[in-house]
Protein backbone atom coordinates (compact mmCIF):
# COMPACT_ATOMS: atom_id res chain seq x y z
CA GLN A 1 39.24 250.74 -17.89
CA GLY A 2 41.85 248.43 -19.32
CA THR A 3 40.01 247.97 -22.61
CA ARG A 4 40.60 249.67 -25.94
CA ASP A 5 39.02 250.44 -29.28
CA HIS A 6 40.89 249.48 -32.42
CA PRO A 7 40.57 252.01 -35.23
CA PRO A 8 40.81 250.68 -38.81
CA ALA A 9 44.60 250.92 -39.25
CA GLN A 10 45.19 249.08 -35.95
CA ALA A 11 42.59 246.45 -36.75
CA ALA A 12 44.30 245.90 -40.13
CA LEU A 13 47.70 245.49 -38.44
CA ARG A 14 46.18 243.03 -35.96
CA ASP A 15 44.65 241.03 -38.84
CA ARG A 16 48.07 240.79 -40.48
CA LEU A 17 49.59 239.56 -37.24
CA LEU A 18 46.86 237.00 -36.54
CA ALA A 19 47.05 235.72 -40.12
CA ALA A 20 50.75 234.90 -39.63
CA VAL A 21 50.01 233.06 -36.38
CA VAL A 22 47.07 231.12 -37.85
CA ALA A 23 49.17 230.15 -40.87
CA CYS A 24 51.71 228.56 -38.52
CA PHE A 25 49.04 226.71 -36.50
CA LYS A 26 47.51 225.37 -39.72
CA ARG A 27 50.91 224.36 -41.04
CA HIS A 28 51.16 222.10 -38.01
CA GLY A 29 47.78 220.47 -38.65
CA ALA A 30 45.64 222.13 -35.99
CA ALA A 31 41.84 222.37 -36.26
CA ALA A 32 40.06 225.51 -35.02
CA ILE A 33 37.50 225.39 -32.21
CA ASP A 34 35.48 228.07 -30.45
CA THR A 35 34.02 228.09 -26.93
CA PRO A 36 31.66 230.54 -25.17
CA VAL A 37 32.91 233.67 -23.44
CA LEU A 38 30.80 232.63 -20.45
CA GLU A 39 31.66 229.59 -18.35
CA LEU A 40 30.12 228.27 -15.15
CA ARG A 41 31.97 229.87 -12.27
CA GLU A 42 32.87 226.47 -10.83
CA THR A 43 34.57 225.54 -14.12
CA LEU A 44 37.10 228.34 -13.61
CA THR A 45 37.61 228.40 -9.84
CA GLY A 46 40.40 226.34 -8.34
CA LYS A 47 42.40 226.09 -11.58
CA TYR A 48 44.61 229.19 -11.50
CA GLY A 49 46.13 229.41 -8.01
CA GLU A 50 46.92 232.88 -6.71
CA GLU A 51 45.69 234.49 -9.92
CA ALA A 52 42.08 233.34 -9.34
CA LYS A 53 41.25 236.70 -7.77
CA LEU A 54 41.43 238.20 -11.26
CA ILE A 55 38.44 236.20 -12.59
CA TYR A 56 35.49 238.38 -13.65
CA GLU A 57 32.57 236.85 -11.74
CA LEU A 58 29.09 237.81 -12.87
CA GLN A 59 26.05 238.32 -10.69
CA ASP A 60 23.55 235.48 -10.47
CA GLN A 61 21.35 235.58 -13.58
CA GLY A 62 18.54 233.11 -13.12
CA GLY A 63 20.10 230.40 -10.99
CA GLU A 64 23.53 229.99 -12.58
CA LEU A 65 26.75 231.44 -11.29
CA LEU A 66 28.76 232.45 -14.34
CA ALA A 67 32.13 234.04 -14.99
CA LEU A 68 33.97 235.39 -18.04
CA ARG A 69 36.69 233.06 -19.35
CA TYR A 70 40.13 233.83 -17.93
CA ASP A 71 42.11 231.93 -20.55
CA LEU A 72 41.48 229.44 -23.39
CA THR A 73 43.07 226.42 -21.70
CA VAL A 74 40.51 225.63 -19.01
CA PRO A 75 37.56 225.91 -21.47
CA PHE A 76 39.48 223.56 -23.81
CA ALA A 77 39.90 221.00 -21.02
CA ARG A 78 36.20 221.32 -20.18
CA TYR A 79 35.33 220.84 -23.86
CA LEU A 80 37.45 217.67 -24.14
CA ALA A 81 35.93 216.16 -20.99
CA MET A 82 32.32 217.06 -21.90
CA ASN A 83 32.64 215.55 -25.37
CA LYS A 84 34.76 212.56 -24.26
CA ILE A 85 37.52 213.53 -26.72
CA THR A 86 40.85 211.84 -26.00
CA ASN A 87 42.88 213.03 -28.98
CA MET A 88 42.93 216.46 -30.59
CA LYS A 89 45.23 219.12 -31.99
CA ARG A 90 43.50 222.48 -31.90
CA TYR A 91 44.04 226.21 -32.06
CA HIS A 92 41.76 228.90 -30.68
CA ILE A 93 42.06 232.68 -31.04
CA ALA A 94 39.67 234.69 -28.92
CA LYS A 95 39.31 237.36 -26.23
CA VAL A 96 39.76 236.58 -22.56
CA TYR A 97 39.01 238.67 -19.47
CA ARG A 98 41.03 239.50 -16.36
CA ARG A 99 40.21 241.95 -13.58
CA ASP A 100 43.84 243.03 -13.57
CA ASN A 101 45.41 246.40 -12.91
CA PRO A 102 45.89 247.46 -16.51
CA ALA A 103 49.36 248.49 -17.68
CA THR A 104 48.37 249.40 -21.21
CA THR A 105 51.85 250.56 -22.23
CA ARG A 106 53.12 247.00 -21.70
CA GLY A 107 50.18 245.42 -23.48
CA ARG A 108 48.37 244.40 -20.28
CA TYR A 109 44.59 244.77 -20.56
CA ARG A 110 41.38 243.53 -18.95
CA GLU A 111 40.11 242.32 -22.29
CA PHE A 112 42.65 240.90 -24.70
CA TYR A 113 43.25 238.26 -27.33
CA GLN A 114 44.91 234.93 -26.69
CA CYS A 115 46.21 232.66 -29.43
CA ASP A 116 46.50 229.08 -28.25
CA PHE A 117 47.75 225.87 -29.83
CA ASP A 118 47.35 222.59 -27.91
CA ILE A 119 47.93 218.89 -28.45
CA ALA A 120 45.77 216.54 -26.38
CA GLY A 121 46.28 212.79 -26.28
CA GLN A 122 48.43 209.91 -25.09
CA PHE A 123 51.70 210.05 -27.03
CA ASP A 124 55.32 209.12 -26.50
CA PRO A 125 57.14 211.54 -24.22
CA MET A 126 58.31 214.98 -25.42
CA ILE A 127 57.41 214.66 -29.12
CA PRO A 128 54.36 216.99 -28.94
CA ASP A 129 56.19 219.17 -26.38
CA ALA A 130 59.06 219.67 -28.84
CA GLU A 131 56.58 220.65 -31.57
CA CYS A 132 55.07 223.35 -29.33
CA LEU A 133 58.54 224.87 -28.87
CA LYS A 134 59.16 224.64 -32.62
CA ILE A 135 55.93 226.60 -33.19
CA VAL A 136 57.03 229.39 -30.82
CA HIS A 137 60.37 229.50 -32.65
CA GLU A 138 58.66 229.68 -36.07
CA ILE A 139 56.22 232.43 -35.11
CA LEU A 140 58.81 234.65 -33.41
CA SER A 141 61.19 234.16 -36.36
CA ASP A 142 58.43 234.90 -38.92
CA LEU A 143 57.38 238.11 -37.20
CA GLN A 144 60.97 239.40 -37.11
CA LEU A 145 60.61 240.99 -33.68
CA GLY A 146 64.35 240.80 -33.03
CA ASP A 147 66.35 238.44 -30.84
CA PHE A 148 64.45 236.11 -28.51
CA LEU A 149 65.09 233.34 -26.00
CA ILE A 150 62.83 230.42 -25.08
CA LYS A 151 63.31 229.35 -21.46
CA VAL A 152 62.37 225.76 -20.62
CA ASN A 153 61.93 223.97 -17.29
CA ASP A 154 59.83 221.16 -15.83
CA ARG A 155 57.49 221.31 -12.84
CA ARG A 156 58.75 217.86 -11.76
CA ILE A 157 62.34 219.15 -11.62
CA LEU A 158 61.20 222.15 -9.55
CA ASN A 159 59.18 219.98 -7.19
CA GLY A 160 62.18 217.67 -6.87
CA VAL A 161 64.37 220.66 -6.01
CA PHE A 162 61.85 221.78 -3.37
CA ALA A 163 61.72 218.26 -1.91
CA VAL A 164 65.51 217.85 -1.58
CA CYS A 165 65.69 221.34 -0.04
CA GLY A 166 63.29 220.21 2.67
CA ILE A 167 60.13 222.09 1.62
CA PRO A 168 56.89 220.35 2.70
CA GLU A 169 54.75 219.25 -0.27
CA SER A 170 51.88 221.46 0.89
CA LYS A 171 54.06 224.49 0.08
CA PHE A 172 55.25 223.42 -3.40
CA VAL A 173 52.62 225.40 -5.30
CA THR A 174 53.00 228.66 -3.38
CA THR A 175 56.81 228.38 -3.49
CA CYS A 176 56.49 227.93 -7.24
CA SER A 177 54.64 231.21 -7.70
CA THR A 178 57.35 233.00 -5.68
CA VAL A 179 60.20 231.49 -7.72
CA ASP A 180 58.32 232.61 -10.84
CA LYS A 181 59.07 236.24 -9.90
CA LEU A 182 62.84 235.77 -10.32
CA ASP A 183 62.79 237.27 -13.82
CA LYS A 184 61.26 240.49 -12.44
CA ILE A 185 62.91 240.94 -9.02
CA PRO A 186 66.37 240.00 -7.65
CA TRP A 187 67.01 236.77 -5.72
CA GLN A 188 67.23 238.60 -2.37
CA ASP A 189 63.63 239.88 -2.72
CA VAL A 190 62.41 236.44 -3.80
CA LYS A 191 64.15 234.90 -0.79
CA ASN A 192 62.54 237.47 1.55
CA GLU A 193 59.09 236.59 0.19
CA MET A 194 59.78 232.87 0.73
CA VAL A 195 60.84 233.41 4.32
CA GLU A 196 58.50 236.19 5.44
CA GLU A 197 55.30 235.47 3.47
CA LYS A 198 55.54 231.76 2.65
CA GLY A 199 57.09 230.70 5.97
CA LEU A 200 60.18 228.85 4.71
CA SER A 201 63.36 228.71 6.78
CA HIS A 202 66.41 230.77 5.75
CA GLU A 203 68.40 227.56 5.18
CA ALA A 204 65.75 226.02 2.92
CA ALA A 205 65.45 229.26 0.90
CA ASP A 206 69.24 229.39 0.44
CA ARG A 207 69.31 225.76 -0.70
CA ILE A 208 66.60 226.53 -3.28
CA GLY A 209 68.64 229.55 -4.38
CA GLU A 210 71.59 227.35 -5.30
CA TYR A 211 69.44 225.54 -7.83
CA VAL A 212 67.01 228.12 -9.23
CA GLN A 213 69.79 230.45 -10.34
CA LEU A 214 71.19 227.83 -12.76
CA HIS A 215 70.60 227.92 -16.51
CA GLY A 216 72.21 226.20 -19.49
CA GLY A 217 71.68 223.39 -21.97
CA LEU A 218 72.34 219.65 -22.26
CA ASP A 219 75.51 220.02 -20.17
CA LEU A 220 73.49 221.33 -17.22
CA ILE A 221 70.92 218.53 -17.58
CA GLU A 222 73.78 215.95 -17.48
CA ARG A 223 75.29 217.68 -14.44
CA LEU A 224 72.01 217.66 -12.52
CA LEU A 225 71.44 213.99 -13.39
CA GLN A 226 74.74 213.35 -11.53
CA ASP A 227 73.79 215.66 -8.61
CA PRO A 228 74.01 213.53 -5.42
CA LYS A 229 70.79 214.98 -3.91
CA LEU A 230 68.60 215.50 -7.01
CA SER A 231 69.40 212.13 -8.58
CA GLN A 232 67.89 210.47 -5.49
CA ASN A 233 64.55 212.20 -6.10
CA LYS A 234 62.17 210.22 -8.32
CA LEU A 235 60.30 213.29 -9.66
CA ALA A 236 63.41 215.27 -10.50
CA LYS A 237 65.02 212.27 -12.16
CA GLU A 238 61.96 211.74 -14.37
CA GLY A 239 61.84 215.43 -15.28
CA LEU A 240 65.55 215.57 -16.10
CA GLY A 241 65.31 212.41 -18.21
CA ASP A 242 62.50 213.95 -20.22
CA MET A 243 64.33 217.28 -20.46
CA LYS A 244 67.31 215.44 -21.98
CA LEU A 245 64.98 213.81 -24.52
CA LEU A 246 63.39 217.18 -25.30
CA PHE A 247 66.81 218.71 -26.02
CA GLU A 248 67.62 215.82 -28.37
CA TYR A 249 64.45 216.54 -30.37
CA LEU A 250 65.05 220.31 -30.34
CA THR A 251 68.57 219.63 -31.68
CA LEU A 252 66.99 217.71 -34.58
CA PHE A 253 64.66 220.66 -35.21
CA GLY A 254 67.79 222.84 -35.24
CA ILE A 255 66.53 225.38 -32.71
CA THR A 256 68.60 224.80 -29.54
CA GLY A 257 70.48 228.06 -30.20
CA LYS A 258 67.47 229.96 -28.89
CA ILE A 259 66.57 227.57 -26.03
CA SER A 260 67.76 227.80 -22.42
CA PHE A 261 67.08 225.24 -19.70
CA ASP A 262 66.34 227.64 -16.84
CA LEU A 263 65.62 226.42 -13.31
CA SER A 264 64.10 229.75 -12.24
CA LEU A 265 61.22 229.38 -14.69
CA ALA A 266 58.12 228.36 -12.74
CA ARG A 267 55.04 229.87 -14.50
CA GLY A 268 52.42 231.09 -12.04
CA LEU A 269 49.53 228.79 -12.98
CA ASP A 270 48.60 225.77 -10.87
CA TYR A 271 47.63 223.39 -13.64
CA TYR A 272 51.09 222.71 -15.14
CA THR A 273 52.43 219.21 -14.43
CA GLY A 274 55.55 218.75 -16.61
CA VAL A 275 57.46 220.79 -19.12
CA ILE A 276 56.92 224.56 -18.91
CA PHE A 277 58.32 227.22 -21.22
CA GLU A 278 58.27 230.94 -21.85
CA ALA A 279 59.64 233.04 -24.70
CA VAL A 280 61.13 236.47 -24.01
CA LEU A 281 62.27 239.15 -26.43
CA LEU A 282 65.82 240.36 -25.90
CA GLN A 283 67.01 243.89 -26.42
CA GLN A 284 70.65 244.76 -26.85
CA GLU A 285 70.53 248.01 -24.84
CA ASN A 286 73.87 249.09 -26.35
CA ASP A 287 76.95 247.48 -27.83
CA HIS A 288 79.07 247.15 -24.68
CA VAL A 289 76.45 245.21 -22.69
CA GLU A 290 77.38 241.54 -22.40
CA GLU A 291 73.97 240.27 -21.27
CA PRO A 292 70.99 241.16 -23.47
CA VAL A 293 68.04 242.54 -21.49
CA SER A 294 64.64 240.88 -21.58
CA VAL A 295 61.78 243.17 -22.62
CA GLY A 296 59.06 240.80 -21.50
CA SER A 297 57.38 237.53 -22.19
CA VAL A 298 55.71 237.05 -25.60
CA ALA A 299 54.69 233.37 -25.40
CA GLY A 300 54.31 230.71 -22.75
CA GLY A 301 52.93 227.29 -22.10
CA GLY A 302 53.55 223.82 -20.82
CA ARG A 303 52.17 220.40 -20.06
CA TYR A 304 48.98 220.04 -18.03
CA ASP A 305 48.12 216.35 -17.70
CA GLY A 306 45.62 216.65 -14.86
CA LEU A 307 43.27 219.40 -16.04
CA VAL A 308 40.87 217.39 -18.25
CA GLY A 309 40.47 214.83 -15.44
CA MET A 310 39.15 217.58 -13.14
CA PHE A 311 36.10 217.88 -15.44
CA ASP A 312 35.50 214.19 -16.06
CA PRO A 313 32.97 212.59 -13.69
CA LYS A 314 35.09 209.42 -13.67
CA GLY A 315 38.33 211.40 -13.41
CA ARG A 316 39.63 210.04 -16.74
CA LYS A 317 42.77 211.95 -17.65
CA VAL A 318 43.79 213.24 -21.06
CA PRO A 319 47.42 214.41 -21.21
CA CYS A 320 47.80 217.84 -22.85
CA VAL A 321 50.55 220.24 -23.82
CA GLY A 322 50.07 223.68 -25.31
CA VAL A 323 51.35 227.14 -25.98
CA SER A 324 49.83 230.60 -25.86
CA ILE A 325 51.20 233.39 -28.05
CA GLY A 326 51.10 236.79 -26.29
CA ILE A 327 49.50 238.60 -29.17
CA GLU A 328 48.81 241.89 -27.29
CA ARG A 329 52.44 242.29 -26.26
CA ILE A 330 53.62 241.53 -29.81
CA PHE A 331 50.97 243.89 -31.20
CA SER A 332 52.21 246.74 -28.96
CA ILE A 333 55.75 246.18 -30.25
CA LEU A 334 54.68 246.08 -33.91
CA GLU A 335 52.55 249.18 -33.42
CA GLN A 336 55.47 251.14 -31.96
CA ARG A 337 57.64 249.94 -34.82
CA VAL A 338 55.14 251.07 -37.48
CA LYS A 339 54.88 254.48 -35.76
CA ALA A 340 58.66 254.86 -35.66
CA SER A 341 59.11 253.89 -39.31
CA GLY A 342 56.34 256.23 -40.50
CA GLU A 343 54.92 253.37 -42.58
CA LYS A 344 51.25 253.85 -43.43
CA VAL A 345 49.14 250.79 -42.72
CA ARG A 346 46.29 250.47 -45.20
CA ALA A 347 42.97 250.08 -43.42
CA THR A 348 41.24 248.56 -46.46
CA GLU A 349 42.21 246.22 -49.29
CA THR A 350 40.41 248.07 -52.07
CA GLN A 351 42.12 247.42 -55.42
CA VAL A 352 40.32 249.91 -57.61
CA LEU A 353 38.17 253.03 -57.38
CA VAL A 354 35.56 253.39 -60.11
CA ALA A 355 35.64 257.06 -61.10
CA THR A 356 33.97 259.38 -63.61
CA PRO A 357 35.37 262.66 -65.01
CA GLN A 358 32.08 264.32 -66.13
CA LYS A 359 28.53 264.75 -64.91
CA ASN A 360 25.56 262.39 -65.40
CA LEU A 361 27.64 259.19 -65.39
CA LEU A 362 26.44 257.58 -62.15
CA ALA A 363 24.72 254.80 -64.12
CA ALA A 364 27.98 253.86 -65.86
CA ARG A 365 29.79 253.70 -62.50
CA LEU A 366 27.10 251.53 -60.91
CA LYS A 367 27.14 249.09 -63.84
CA LEU A 368 30.93 248.85 -63.89
CA ILE A 369 31.39 248.47 -60.13
CA SER A 370 28.75 245.75 -60.05
CA GLU A 371 30.71 243.79 -62.68
CA LEU A 372 33.91 244.18 -60.67
CA TRP A 373 32.29 243.02 -57.41
CA ASP A 374 30.74 240.02 -59.14
CA ALA A 375 34.19 239.11 -60.49
CA GLY A 376 35.60 239.15 -56.94
CA ILE A 377 37.49 242.40 -57.33
CA LYS A 378 37.67 244.75 -54.34
CA ALA A 379 36.22 248.03 -55.58
CA GLU A 380 34.83 251.30 -54.23
CA MET A 381 33.10 254.38 -55.63
CA PHE A 382 31.95 257.77 -54.39
CA TYR A 383 28.39 257.98 -53.06
CA LYS A 384 27.69 261.17 -55.05
CA LYS A 385 25.99 261.66 -58.39
CA ASP A 386 28.63 263.97 -59.85
CA PRO A 387 31.92 263.87 -57.92
CA LYS A 388 34.95 265.88 -59.08
CA LEU A 389 37.69 263.74 -60.71
CA LEU A 390 40.42 265.39 -58.66
CA LYS A 391 38.62 264.52 -55.40
CA GLN A 392 38.28 260.90 -56.51
CA LEU A 393 41.98 260.61 -57.39
CA GLN A 394 42.99 262.35 -54.15
CA TYR A 395 40.95 259.76 -52.22
CA CYS A 396 42.94 256.99 -53.92
CA GLU A 397 46.19 258.60 -52.79
CA ASP A 398 44.98 259.14 -49.22
CA THR A 399 43.76 255.58 -48.73
CA GLY A 400 46.38 253.77 -50.80
CA ILE A 401 44.05 252.49 -53.54
CA PRO A 402 46.48 251.58 -56.37
CA LEU A 403 44.16 251.88 -59.40
CA ALA A 404 41.35 254.09 -60.68
CA ALA A 405 39.00 252.77 -63.38
CA ILE A 406 37.75 255.84 -65.24
CA VAL A 407 34.71 255.87 -67.51
CA GLY A 408 33.99 259.18 -69.28
CA GLU A 409 31.76 259.92 -72.29
CA GLN A 410 34.61 259.13 -74.70
CA GLU A 411 35.29 255.77 -73.03
CA LEU A 412 31.60 254.89 -73.17
CA THR A 413 31.49 255.68 -76.90
CA ASP A 414 34.62 253.59 -77.56
CA GLY A 415 33.44 250.76 -75.30
CA VAL A 416 36.60 250.89 -73.12
CA VAL A 417 37.67 251.73 -69.58
CA LYS A 418 40.69 253.89 -68.78
CA LEU A 419 42.82 252.32 -66.04
CA ARG A 420 45.03 254.79 -64.16
CA ASP A 421 47.95 253.76 -61.96
CA VAL A 422 47.53 256.22 -59.09
CA ALA A 423 51.21 256.26 -58.05
CA THR A 424 52.86 256.61 -61.49
CA ARG A 425 49.89 258.40 -63.18
CA GLU A 426 50.25 256.12 -66.21
CA GLU A 427 46.99 255.46 -68.05
CA VAL A 428 46.08 252.48 -70.18
């Protein structure tokens, strides 16, 4: 049904992954928050555009229409507005719910984790935005998933492009969600959807095509700032000015090598207002391919300056920018990698097994293990009165416990404990 159980080894791998992500968020000074899985239905509706049909709506339970959260961004905006918070840097890792057609091989589920980092507040342009991109760069570099590319664009530049191509403003949002499909389907199919489903003229679609197939860096930004049509458009000019600033900051962070200004990037969600970005993993299919192939998006985000205002009775706005790390997709990749390498992932962190070689020594084990636990040492023992030593040592090998603390009659007499290194069989 698009959900999955995580057995111990998988849960341990996921913990390792989340710990790396949290470490990065904390390194950047973010505080953790948590919000309920349930939100009022009206909180969620009208925020996601075409994707709203995927919201899990619940039946009326006692006078309130509720739904399961669809992402962590809208609840964050609601939280800021409700508590009149105008300045916050937060991260939130939790499950979200989408009534999607599951494609479990690609890490698409109906219940899955999101890992979000957001900066809310009135700041000078592009400084927080640059930090969000730095975070994506750090996390993807830390996890060593292979080569990646972070595509960047700005909703204002896109809207400017639509305007100079003669698209009516009422069709900006729907045109956006069509352009967003360019990474999955060829331009001709995107154009067909624009003309046949969205009602644009052939000429307008072709004019859009000239722009949305461009990608590059600072040079492209400079070129578009000189573009006779675009430079006349106030929105596009603002967006390009900010994009230039962003690239200056990313140059100072030393990460522009992995960044591409890409006019086809649109991101399907309605609430983005400025900079938008998406990170994709690249796979060199084989040596004689010039262009690396994208194997899917592993992070995305952008600026959403209007969302908090939608929840404030007085419409007070709080500018926000944030990023979501696609933890399920990354987890699928790591899982496949662990399988391929034959590496065994330890499901527990036990450091020592307390073992006995003869009968009638349960009391000695209980006393010793209690001392270890009280000293903060991760320890286990067999739940049998008289287990066989071989079985106990075998268990250490099977589960990866590195040490066995053995107390036999001789040890008790001498007042010592024999510590055995399970791998090398050395005893001290």
